[in-house]
PDB file of N, CA and C in Angstrom:
ATOM      1  N   MET A   1       0.825  -1.201   0.000  1.00  0.00           N
ATOM      2  CA  MET A   1       0.000   0.000   0.000  1.00  0.00           C
ATOM      3  C   MET A   1       0.866   1.260   0.000  1.00  0.00           C
ATOM      4  N   ILE A   2       1.939   1.265   0.796  1.00  0.00           N
ATOM      5  CA  ILE A   2       2.822   2.431   0.849  1.00  0.00           C
ATOM      6  C   ILE A   2       3.469   2.662  -0.511  1.00  0.00           C
ATOM      7  N   HIS A   3       3.857   1.572  -1.173  1.00  0.00           N
ATOM      8  CA  HIS A   3       4.457   1.689  -2.503  1.00  0.00           C
ATOM      9  C   HIS A   3       3.461   2.289  -3.493  1.00  0.00           C
ATOM     10  N   GLN A   4       2.220   1.849  -3.425  1.00  0.00           N
ATOM     11  CA  GLN A   4       1.192   2.387  -4.312  1.00  0.00           C
ATOM     12  C   GLN A   4       0.953   3.869  -4.041  1.00  0.00           C
ATOM     13  N   LEU A   5       0.981   4.261  -2.771  1.00  0.00           N
ATOM     14  CA  LEU A   5       0.784   5.670  -2.427  1.00  0.00           C
ATOM     15  C   LEU A   5       1.923   6.528  -2.978  1.00  0.00           C
ATOM     16  N   LYS A   6       3.144   6.027  -2.908  1.00  0.00           N
ATOM     17  CA  LYS A   6       4.283   6.756  -3.475  1.00  0.00           C
ATOM     18  C   LYS A   6       4.132   6.920  -4.982  1.00  0.00           C
ATOM     19  N   VAL A   7       3.663   5.886  -5.639  1.00  0.00           N
ATOM     20  CA  VAL A   7       3.455   5.950  -7.086  1.00  0.00           C
ATOM     21  C   VAL A   7       2.350   6.951  -7.414  1.00  0.00           C
ATOM     22  N   ILE A   8       1.290   6.964  -6.631  1.00  0.00           N
ATOM     23  CA  ILE A   8       0.199   7.921  -6.855  1.00  0.00           C
ATOM     24  C   ILE A   8       0.682   9.343  -6.603  1.00  0.00           C
ATOM     25  N   LEU A   9       1.519   9.543  -5.588  1.00  0.00           N
ATOM     26  CA  LEU A   9       2.080  10.866  -5.344  1.00  0.00           C
ATOM     27  C   LEU A   9       2.963  11.313  -6.503  1.00  0.00           C
ATOM     28  N   ASP A  10       3.682  10.373  -7.106  1.00  0.00           N
ATOM     29  CA  ASP A  10       4.465  10.705  -8.299  1.00  0.00           C
ATOM     30  C   ASP A  10       3.557  11.111  -9.453  1.00  0.00           C
ATOM     31  N   PHE A  11       2.384  10.489  -9.544  1.00  0.00           N
ATOM     32  CA  PHE A  11       1.406  10.867 -10.566  1.00  0.00           C
ATOM     33  C   PHE A  11       0.869  12.272 -10.302  1.00  0.00           C
ATOM     34  N   TYR A  12       0.692  12.612  -9.030  1.00  0.00           N
ATOM     35  CA  TYR A  12       0.112  13.899  -8.639  1.00  0.00           C
ATOM     36  C   TYR A  12       1.107  15.054  -8.790  1.00  0.00           C
ATOM     37  N   ARG A  13       2.394  14.768  -8.642  1.00  0.00           N
ATOM     38  CA  ARG A  13       3.417  15.821  -8.612  1.00  0.00           C
ATOM     39  C   ARG A  13       3.344  16.807  -9.789  1.00  0.00           C
ATOM     40  N   PRO A  14       3.213  16.375 -11.044  1.00  0.00           N
ATOM     41  CA  PRO A  14       3.150  17.362 -12.136  1.00  0.00           C
ATOM     42  C   PRO A  14       1.918  18.267 -12.079  1.00  0.00           C
ATOM     43  N   PHE A  15       0.885  17.821 -11.405  1.00  0.00           N
ATOM     44  CA  PHE A  15      -0.354  18.600 -11.327  1.00  0.00           C
ATOM     45  C   PHE A  15      -0.392  19.524 -10.112  1.00  0.00           C
ATOM     46  N   LEU A  16       0.606  19.438  -9.255  1.00  0.00           N
ATOM     47  CA  LEU A  16       0.611  20.215  -8.014  1.00  0.00           C
ATOM     48  C   LEU A  16       0.637  21.718  -8.285  1.00  0.00           C
ATOM     49  N   ALA A  17       1.463  22.164  -9.215  1.00  0.00           N
ATOM     50  CA  ALA A  17       1.540  23.601  -9.513  1.00  0.00           C
ATOM     51  C   ALA A  17       0.216  24.104 -10.080  1.00  0.00           C
ATOM     52  N   TRP A  18      -0.393  23.313 -10.973  1.00  0.00           N
ATOM     53  CA  TRP A  18      -1.687  23.703 -11.534  1.00  0.00           C
ATOM     54  C   TRP A  18      -2.754  23.734 -10.453  1.00  0.00           C
ATOM     55  N   SER A  19      -2.700  22.779  -9.558  1.00  0.00           N
ATOM     56  CA  SER A  19      -3.670  22.729  -8.469  1.00  0.00           C
ATOM     57  C   SER A  19      -3.535  23.957  -7.569  1.00  0.00           C
ATOM     58  N   ALA A  20      -2.306  24.317  -7.259  1.00  0.00           N
ATOM     59  CA  ALA A  20      -2.079  25.495  -6.414  1.00  0.00           C
ATOM     60  C   ALA A  20      -2.570  26.761  -7.114  1.00  0.00           C
ATOM     61  N   LEU A  21      -2.329  26.865  -8.413  1.00  0.00           N
ATOM     62  CA  LEU A  21      -2.797  28.030  -9.170  1.00  0.00           C
ATOM     63  C   LEU A  21      -4.320  28.097  -9.181  1.00  0.00           C
ATOM     64  N   ILE A  22      -4.968  26.966  -9.400  1.00  0.00           N
ATOM     65  CA  ILE A  22      -6.434  26.921  -9.367  1.00  0.00           C
ATOM     66  C   ILE A  22      -6.946  27.279  -7.976  1.00  0.00           C
ATOM     67  N   ASN A  23      -6.261  26.797  -6.941  1.00  0.00           N
ATOM     68  CA  ASN A  23      -6.650  27.133  -5.565  1.00  0.00           C
ATOM     69  C   ASN A  23      -6.597  28.639  -5.331  1.00  0.00           C
ATOM     70  N   ILE A  24      -5.507  29.261  -5.722  1.00  0.00           N
ATOM     71  CA  ILE A  24      -5.345  30.692  -5.477  1.00  0.00           C
ATOM     72  C   ILE A  24      -6.395  31.489  -6.235  1.00  0.00           C
ATOM     73  N   ILE A  25      -6.606  31.159  -7.502  1.00  0.00           N
ATOM     74  CA  ILE A  25      -7.618  31.866  -8.286  1.00  0.00           C
ATOM     75  C   ILE A  25      -9.006  31.661  -7.690  1.00  0.00           C
ATOM     76  N   SER A  26      -9.310  30.440  -7.276  1.00  0.00           N
ATOM     77  CA  SER A  26     -10.622  30.143  -6.684  1.00  0.00           C
ATOM     78  C   SER A  26     -10.810  30.871  -5.363  1.00  0.00           C
ATOM     79  N   PHE A  27      -9.747  30.954  -4.564  1.00  0.00           N
ATOM     80  CA  PHE A  27      -9.862  31.650  -3.284  1.00  0.00           C
ATOM     81  C   PHE A  27     -10.099  33.135  -3.482  1.00  0.00           C
ATOM     82  N   VAL A  28      -9.480  33.718  -4.506  1.00  0.00           N
ATOM     83  CA  VAL A  28      -9.660  35.134  -4.766  1.00  0.00           C
ATOM     84  C   VAL A  28     -11.083  35.406  -5.252  1.00  0.00           C
ATOM     85  N   ILE A  29     -11.587  34.537  -6.117  1.00  0.00           N
ATOM     86  CA  ILE A  29     -12.910  34.758  -6.700  1.00  0.00           C
ATOM     87  C   ILE A  29     -14.024  34.347  -5.731  1.00  0.00           C
ATOM     88  N   LEU A  30     -13.932  33.158  -5.165  1.00  0.00           N
ATOM     89  CA  LEU A  30     -15.028  32.611  -4.362  1.00  0.00           C
ATOM     90  C   LEU A  30     -14.836  32.783  -2.860  1.00  0.00           C
ATOM     91  N   PHE A  31     -13.673  32.453  -2.385  1.00  0.00           N
ATOM     92  CA  PHE A  31     -13.302  32.446  -0.971  1.00  0.00           C
ATOM     93  C   PHE A  31     -14.273  31.646  -0.099  1.00  0.00           C
ATOM     94  N   GLN A  32     -14.759  30.544  -0.650  1.00  0.00           N
ATOM     95  CA  GLN A  32     -15.556  29.586   0.097  1.00  0.00           C
ATOM     96  C   GLN A  32     -15.035  28.203  -0.275  1.00  0.00           C
ATOM     97  N   ILE A  33     -14.996  27.317   0.681  1.00  0.00           N
ATOM     98  CA  ILE A  33     -14.363  26.020   0.454  1.00  0.00           C
ATOM     99  C   ILE A  33     -15.257  25.059  -0.324  1.00  0.00           C
ATOM    100  N   ALA A  34     -16.556  25.059  -0.092  1.00  0.00           N
ATOM    101  CA  ALA A  34     -17.445  24.088  -0.745  1.00  0.00           C
ATOM    102  C   ALA A  34     -17.457  24.208  -2.270  1.00  0.00           C
ATOM    103  N   PRO A  35     -17.608  25.408  -2.841  1.00  0.00           N
ATOM    104  CA  PRO A  35     -17.570  25.491  -4.306  1.00  0.00           C
ATOM    105  C   PRO A  35     -16.206  25.110  -4.882  1.00  0.00           C
ATOM    106  N   ILE A  36     -15.162  25.408  -4.147  1.00  0.00           N
ATOM    107  CA  ILE A  36     -13.819  25.073  -4.622  1.00  0.00           C
ATOM    108  C   ILE A  36     -13.641  23.556  -4.678  1.00  0.00           C
ATOM    109  N   ILE A  37     -14.133  22.861  -3.665  1.00  0.00           N
ATOM    110  CA  ILE A  37     -14.044  21.396  -3.656  1.00  0.00           C
ATOM    111  C   ILE A  37     -14.853  20.811  -4.809  1.00  0.00           C
ATOM    112  N   PHE A  38     -16.012  21.374  -5.090  1.00  0.00           N
ATOM    113  CA  PHE A  38     -16.831  20.903  -6.212  1.00  0.00           C
ATOM    114  C   PHE A  38     -16.139  21.166  -7.546  1.00  0.00           C
ATOM    115  N   ILE A  39     -15.538  22.336  -7.694  1.00  0.00           N
ATOM    116  CA  ILE A  39     -14.804  22.658  -8.917  1.00  0.00           C
ATOM    117  C   ILE A  39     -13.648  21.680  -9.102  1.00  0.00           C
ATOM    118  N   LYS A  40     -12.945  21.357  -8.016  1.00  0.00           N
ATOM    119  CA  LYS A  40     -11.839  20.396  -8.097  1.00  0.00           C
ATOM    120  C   LYS A  40     -12.346  19.022  -8.529  1.00  0.00           C
ATOM    121  N   LEU A  41     -13.502  18.618  -8.028  1.00  0.00           N
ATOM    122  CA  LEU A  41     -14.078  17.339  -8.425  1.00  0.00           C
ATOM    123  C   LEU A  41     -14.366  17.323  -9.922  1.00  0.00           C
ATOM    124  N   LEU A  42     -14.947  18.396 -10.437  1.00  0.00           N
ATOM    125  CA  LEU A  42     -15.232  18.477 -11.868  1.00  0.00           C
ATOM    126  C   LEU A  42     -13.950  18.470 -12.699  1.00  0.00           C
ATOM    127  N   LEU A  43     -12.930  19.181 -12.245  1.00  0.00           N
ATOM    128  CA  LEU A  43     -11.671  19.224 -12.988  1.00  0.00           C
ATOM    129  C   LEU A  43     -10.966  17.869 -13.001  1.00  0.00           C
ATOM    130  N   ILE A  44     -11.015  17.159 -11.892  1.00  0.00           N
ATOM    131  CA  ILE A  44     -10.384  15.841 -11.852  1.00  0.00           C
ATOM    132  C   ILE A  44     -11.177  14.846 -12.688  1.00  0.00           C
ATOM    133  N   ALA A  45     -12.507  14.966 -12.697  1.00  0.00           N
ATOM    134  CA  ALA A  45     -13.319  14.112 -13.572  1.00  0.00           C
ATOM    135  C   ALA A  45     -12.990  14.387 -15.036  1.00  0.00           C
ATOM    136  N   PHE A  46     -12.812  15.660 -15.387  1.00  0.00           N
ATOM    137  CA  PHE A  46     -12.420  16.003 -16.752  1.00  0.00           C
ATOM    138  C   PHE A  46     -11.036  15.452 -17.075  1.00  0.00           C
ATOM    139  N   LEU A  47     -10.103  15.550 -16.134  1.00  0.00           N
ATOM    140  CA  LEU A  47      -8.757  15.013 -16.341  1.00  0.00           C
ATOM    141  C   LEU A  47      -8.808  13.506 -16.556  1.00  0.00           C
ATOM    142  N   TRP A  48      -9.617  12.815 -15.749  1.00  0.00           N
ATOM    143  CA  TRP A  48      -9.759  11.364 -15.918  1.00  0.00           C
ATOM    144  C   TRP A  48     -10.308  11.047 -17.308  1.00  0.00           C
ATOM    145  N   PHE A  49     -11.341  11.772 -17.714  1.00  0.00           N
ATOM    146  CA  PHE A  49     -11.930  11.550 -19.033  1.00  0.00           C
ATOM    147  C   PHE A  49     -10.909  11.819 -20.134  1.00  0.00           C
ATOM    148  N   PHE A  50     -10.175  12.920 -20.015  1.00  0.00           N
ATOM    149  CA  PHE A  50      -9.185  13.279 -21.019  1.00  0.00           C
ATOM    150  C   PHE A  50      -8.095  12.219 -21.133  1.00  0.00           C
ATOM    151  N   ILE A  51      -7.576  11.761 -20.001  1.00  0.00           N
ATOM    152  CA  ILE A  51      -6.498  10.773 -20.031  1.00  0.00           C
ATOM    153  C   ILE A  51      -7.005   9.426 -20.525  1.00  0.00           C
ATOM    154  N   SER A  52      -8.197   9.025 -20.107  1.00  0.00           N
ATOM    155  CA  SER A  52      -8.688   7.703 -20.491  1.00  0.00           C
ATOM    156  C   SER A  52      -9.215   7.643 -21.922  1.00  0.00           C
ATOM    157  N   GLU A  53      -9.515   8.777 -22.535  1.00  0.00           N
ATOM    158  CA  GLU A  53     -10.086   8.771 -23.880  1.00  0.00           C
ATOM    159  C   GLU A  53      -9.138   9.258 -24.971  1.00  0.00           C
ATOM    160  N   THR A  54      -7.916   9.610 -24.626  1.00  0.00           N
ATOM    161  CA  THR A  54      -6.968  10.100 -25.630  1.00  0.00           C
ATOM    162  C   THR A  54      -5.749   9.182 -25.674  1.00  0.00           C
ATOM    163  N   ALA A  55      -4.751   9.618 -26.400  1.00  0.00           N
ATOM    164  CA  ALA A  55      -3.524   8.831 -26.520  1.00  0.00           C
ATOM    165  C   ALA A  55      -2.786   8.723 -25.184  1.00  0.00           C
ATOM    166  N   SER A  56      -3.143   9.541 -24.214  1.00  0.00           N
ATOM    167  CA  SER A  56      -2.535   9.475 -22.886  1.00  0.00           C
ATOM    168  C   SER A  56      -2.972   8.239 -22.108  1.00  0.00           C
ATOM    169  N   LYS A  57      -3.846   7.453 -22.708  1.00  0.00           N
ATOM    170  CA  LYS A  57      -4.376   6.249 -22.063  1.00  0.00           C
ATOM    171  C   LYS A  57      -3.256   5.281 -21.673  1.00  0.00           C
ATOM    172  N   GLN A  58      -2.166   5.306 -22.427  1.00  0.00           N
ATOM    173  CA  GLN A  58      -1.039   4.424 -22.136  1.00  0.00           C
ATOM    174  C   GLN A  58      -0.423   4.716 -20.770  1.00  0.00           C
ATOM    175  N   LYS A  59      -0.537   5.958 -20.297  1.00  0.00           N
ATOM    176  CA  LYS A  59      -0.021   6.302 -18.973  1.00  0.00           C
ATOM    177  C   LYS A  59      -0.745   5.514 -17.881  1.00  0.00           C
ATOM    178  N   LEU A  60      -2.025   5.271 -18.088  1.00  0.00           N
ATOM    179  CA  LEU A  60      -2.801   4.535 -17.091  1.00  0.00           C
ATOM    180  C   LEU A  60      -2.421   3.059 -17.035  1.00  0.00           C
ATOM    181  N   MET A  61      -1.872   2.536 -18.128  1.00  0.00           N
ATOM    182  CA  MET A  61      -1.481   1.128 -18.158  1.00  0.00           C
ATOM    183  C   MET A  61      -0.379   0.841 -17.137  1.00  0.00           C
ATOM    184  N   PHE A  62       0.526   1.776 -16.941  1.00  0.00           N
ATOM    185  CA  PHE A  62       1.591   1.620 -15.942  1.00  0.00           C
ATOM    186  C   PHE A  62       0.994   1.410 -14.558  1.00  0.00           C
ATOM    187  N   TYR A  63       0.015   2.222 -14.212  1.00  0.00           N
ATOM    188  CA  TYR A  63      -0.616   2.124 -12.893  1.00  0.00           C
ATOM    189  C   TYR A  63      -1.464   0.859 -12.779  1.00  0.00           C
ATOM    190  N   LYS A  64      -2.087   0.471 -13.865  1.00  0.00           N
ATOM    191  CA  LYS A  64      -2.884  -0.755 -13.863  1.00  0.00           C
ATOM    192  C   LYS A  64      -1.985  -1.973 -13.626  1.00  0.00           C
ATOM    193  N   ASN A  65      -0.778  -1.967 -14.218  1.00  0.00           N
ATOM    194  CA  ASN A  65       0.170  -3.061 -14.006  1.00  0.00           C
ATOM    195  C   ASN A  65       0.664  -3.124 -12.566  1.00  0.00           C
ATOM    196  N   LEU A  66       0.622  -2.012 -11.853  1.00  0.00           N
ATOM    197  CA  LEU A  66       1.011  -1.986 -10.443  1.00  0.00           C
ATOM    198  C   LEU A  66      -0.154  -2.319  -9.516  1.00  0.00           C
ATOM    199  N   GLY A  67      -1.306  -2.604 -10.102  1.00  0.00           N
ATOM    200  CA  GLY A  67      -2.471  -2.969  -9.299  1.00  0.00           C
ATOM    201  C   GLY A  67      -3.304  -1.788  -8.848  1.00  0.00           C
ATOM    202  N   ILE A  68      -3.135  -0.653  -9.520  1.00  0.00           N
ATOM    203  CA  ILE A  68      -3.886   0.549  -9.172  1.00  0.00           C
ATOM    204  C   ILE A  68      -4.892   0.827 -10.293  1.00  0.00           C
ATOM    205  N   SER A  69      -6.153   0.706  -9.993  1.00  0.00           N
ATOM    206  CA  SER A  69      -7.173   0.981 -11.008  1.00  0.00           C
ATOM    207  C   SER A  69      -7.257   2.489 -11.242  1.00  0.00           C
ATOM    208  N   SER A  70      -7.846   2.874 -12.346  1.00  0.00           N
ATOM    209  CA  SER A  70      -7.963   4.300 -12.639  1.00  0.00           C
ATOM    210  C   SER A  70      -8.885   4.987 -11.625  1.00  0.00           C
ATOM    211  N   LEU A  71      -9.903   4.277 -11.149  1.00  0.00           N
ATOM    212  CA  LEU A  71     -10.788   4.844 -10.133  1.00  0.00           C
ATOM    213  C   LEU A  71     -10.026   5.096  -8.833  1.00  0.00           C
ATOM    214  N   LYS A  72      -9.208   4.137  -8.423  1.00  0.00           N
ATOM    215  CA  LYS A  72      -8.411   4.288  -7.213  1.00  0.00           C
ATOM    216  C   LYS A  72      -7.382   5.402  -7.387  1.00  0.00           C
ATOM    217  N   LEU A  73      -6.752   5.453  -8.557  1.00  0.00           N
ATOM    218  CA  LEU A  73      -5.749   6.470  -8.836  1.00  0.00           C
ATOM    219  C   LEU A  73      -6.340   7.871  -8.735  1.00  0.00           C
ATOM    220  N   PHE A  74      -7.449   8.097  -9.407  1.00  0.00           N
ATOM    221  CA  PHE A  74      -8.037   9.430  -9.398  1.00  0.00           C
ATOM    222  C   PHE A  74      -8.786   9.720  -8.104  1.00  0.00           C
ATOM    223  N   GLY A  75      -9.273   8.690  -7.424  1.00  0.00           N
ATOM    224  CA  GLY A  75      -9.892   8.895  -6.113  1.00  0.00           C
ATOM    225  C   GLY A  75      -8.888   9.373  -5.088  1.00  0.00           C
ATOM    226  N   ILE A  76      -7.741   8.727  -5.042  1.00  0.00           N
ATOM    227  CA  ILE A  76      -6.698   9.157  -4.105  1.00  0.00           C
ATOM    228  C   ILE A  76      -6.117  10.494  -4.552  1.00  0.00           C
ATOM    229  N   PHE A  77      -6.008  10.699  -5.860  1.00  0.00           N
ATOM    230  CA  PHE A  77      -5.577  11.994  -6.405  1.00  0.00           C
ATOM    231  C   PHE A  77      -6.494  13.091  -5.876  1.00  0.00           C
ATOM    232  N   TYR A  78      -7.807  12.846  -5.910  1.00  0.00           N
ATOM    233  CA  TYR A  78      -8.783  13.829  -5.429  1.00  0.00           C
ATOM    234  C   TYR A  78      -8.626  14.062  -3.925  1.00  0.00           C
ATOM    235  N   LEU A  79      -8.437  13.000  -3.158  1.00  0.00           N
ATOM    236  CA  LEU A  79      -8.268  13.151  -1.711  1.00  0.00           C
ATOM    237  C   LEU A  79      -7.015  13.957  -1.378  1.00  0.00           C
ATOM    238  N   ILE A  80      -5.934  13.694  -2.089  1.00  0.00           N
ATOM    239  CA  ILE A  80      -4.697  14.460  -1.876  1.00  0.00           C
ATOM    240  C   ILE A  80      -4.936  15.920  -2.246  1.00  0.00           C
ATOM    241  N   ASP A  81      -5.588  16.145  -3.370  1.00  0.00           N
ATOM    242  CA  ASP A  81      -5.837  17.503  -3.838  1.00  0.00           C
ATOM    243  C   ASP A  81      -6.733  18.264  -2.869  1.00  0.00           C
ATOM    244  N   ILE A  82      -7.747  17.617  -2.352  1.00  0.00           N
ATOM    245  CA  ILE A  82      -8.639  18.272  -1.383  1.00  0.00           C
ATOM    246  C   ILE A  82      -7.894  18.573  -0.088  1.00  0.00           C
ATOM    247  N   THR A  83      -7.024  17.673   0.333  1.00  0.00           N
ATOM    248  CA  THR A  83      -6.226  17.919   1.530  1.00  0.00           C
ATOM    249  C   THR A  83      -5.345  19.148   1.338  1.00  0.00           C
ATOM    250  N   VAL A  84      -4.691  19.247   0.199  1.00  0.00           N
ATOM    251  CA  VAL A  84      -3.860  20.414  -0.099  1.00  0.00           C
ATOM    252  C   VAL A  84      -4.725  21.671  -0.169  1.00  0.00           C
ATOM    253  N   THR A  85      -5.889  21.568  -0.779  1.00  0.00           N
ATOM    254  CA  THR A  85      -6.792  22.711  -0.903  1.00  0.00           C
ATOM    255  C   THR A  85      -7.240  23.206   0.467  1.00  0.00           C
ATOM    256  N   ILE A  86      -7.648  22.306   1.329  1.00  0.00           N
ATOM    257  CA  ILE A  86      -8.101  22.696   2.672  1.00  0.00           C
ATOM    258  C   ILE A  86      -6.951  23.301   3.464  1.00  0.00           C
ATOM    259  N   PHE A  87      -5.773  22.715   3.348  1.00  0.00           N
ATOM    260  CA  PHE A  87      -4.599  23.242   4.037  1.00  0.00           C
ATOM    261  C   PHE A  87      -4.293  24.670   3.573  1.00  0.00           C
ATOM    262  N   LEU A  88      -4.309  24.907   2.259  1.00  0.00           N
ATOM    263  CA  LEU A  88      -4.068  26.255   1.736  1.00  0.00           C
ATOM    264  C   LEU A  88      -5.173  27.217   2.157  1.00  0.00           C
ATOM    265  N   PHE A  89      -6.405  26.735   2.178  1.00  0.00           N
ATOM    266  CA  PHE A  89      -7.528  27.566   2.607  1.00  0.00           C
ATOM    267  C   PHE A  89      -7.353  28.000   4.066  1.00  0.00           C
ATOM    268  N   LEU A  90      -6.935  27.075   4.913  1.00  0.00           N
ATOM    269  CA  LEU A  90      -6.713  27.412   6.319  1.00  0.00           C
ATOM    270  C   LEU A  90      -5.568  28.405   6.483  1.00  0.00           C
ATOM    271  N   ILE A  91      -4.511  28.225   5.708  1.00  0.00           N
ATOM    272  CA  ILE A  91      -3.380  29.158   5.775  1.00  0.00           C
ATOM    273  C   ILE A  91      -3.813  30.549   5.309  1.00  0.00           C
ATOM    274  N   LEU A  92      -4.569  30.614   4.204  1.00  0.00           N
ATOM    275  CA  LEU A  92      -5.041  31.916   3.726  1.00  0.00           C
ATOM    276  C   LEU A  92      -6.010  32.571   4.713  1.00  0.00           C
ATOM    277  N   ASN A  93      -6.855  31.787   5.350  1.00  0.00           N
ATOM    278  CA  ASN A  93      -7.744  32.348   6.370  1.00  0.00           C
ATOM    279  C   ASN A  93      -6.950  32.898   7.549  1.00  0.00           C
ATOM    280  N   LEU A  94      -5.939  32.178   7.965  1.00  0.00           N
ATOM    281  CA  LEU A  94      -5.089  32.631   9.054  1.00  0.00           C
ATOM    282  C   LEU A  94      -4.353  33.904   8.655  1.00  0.00           C
ATOM    283  N   PHE A  95      -3.868  33.941   7.425  1.00  0.00           N
ATOM    284  CA  PHE A  95      -3.186  35.119   6.914  1.00  0.00           C
ATOM    285  C   PHE A  95      -4.128  36.322   6.874  1.00  0.00           C
ATOM    286  N   MET A  96      -5.345  36.103   6.394  1.00  0.00           N
ATOM    287  CA  MET A  96      -6.326  37.190   6.331  1.00  0.00           C
ATOM    288  C   MET A  96      -6.715  37.655   7.737  1.00  0.00           C
ATOM    289  N   TRP A  97      -6.849  36.713   8.668  1.00  0.00           N
ATOM    290  CA  TRP A  97      -7.188  37.066  10.046  1.00  0.00           C
ATOM    291  C   TRP A  97      -6.058  37.877  10.674  1.00  0.00           C
ATOM    292  N   PHE A  98      -4.813  37.500  10.379  1.00  0.00           N
ATOM    293  CA  PHE A  98      -3.665  38.182  10.942  1.00  0.00           C
ATOM    294  C   PHE A  98      -3.571  39.619  10.433  1.00  0.00           C
ATOM    295  N   TRP A  99      -3.928  39.855   9.167  1.00  0.00           N
ATOM    296  CA  TRP A  99      -3.827  41.194   8.599  1.00  0.00           C
ATOM    297  C   TRP A  99      -4.974  42.101   9.029  1.00  0.00           C
ATOM    298  N   ASN A 100      -6.059  41.528   9.518  1.00  0.00           N
ATOM    299  CA  ASN A 100      -7.189  42.364   9.958  1.00  0.00           C
ATOM    300  C   ASN A 100      -7.022  42.702  11.362  1.00  0.00           C
TER     301      ASN A 100
END
């Protein structure tokens, strides 16, 4: 399980910068956690669809050979992303509270 988690984190790493950028833009526009989590769910569903329906499908074969289904891969991806989102949201709230 630990090995699979490391592999999933390696899958998540290239998307971390994009996720942080989406978080910052969403916090500036919405500044509420529930819509941001829903937007992240839609974006990850779109990413899953894009990867599974295009030539990028071969990337998923590597994870399938390691015993990680695409549902498990993107489910844990979503959980990691939401954890990062909530953590950034709490930091920004603390920062905003400190400046007021």
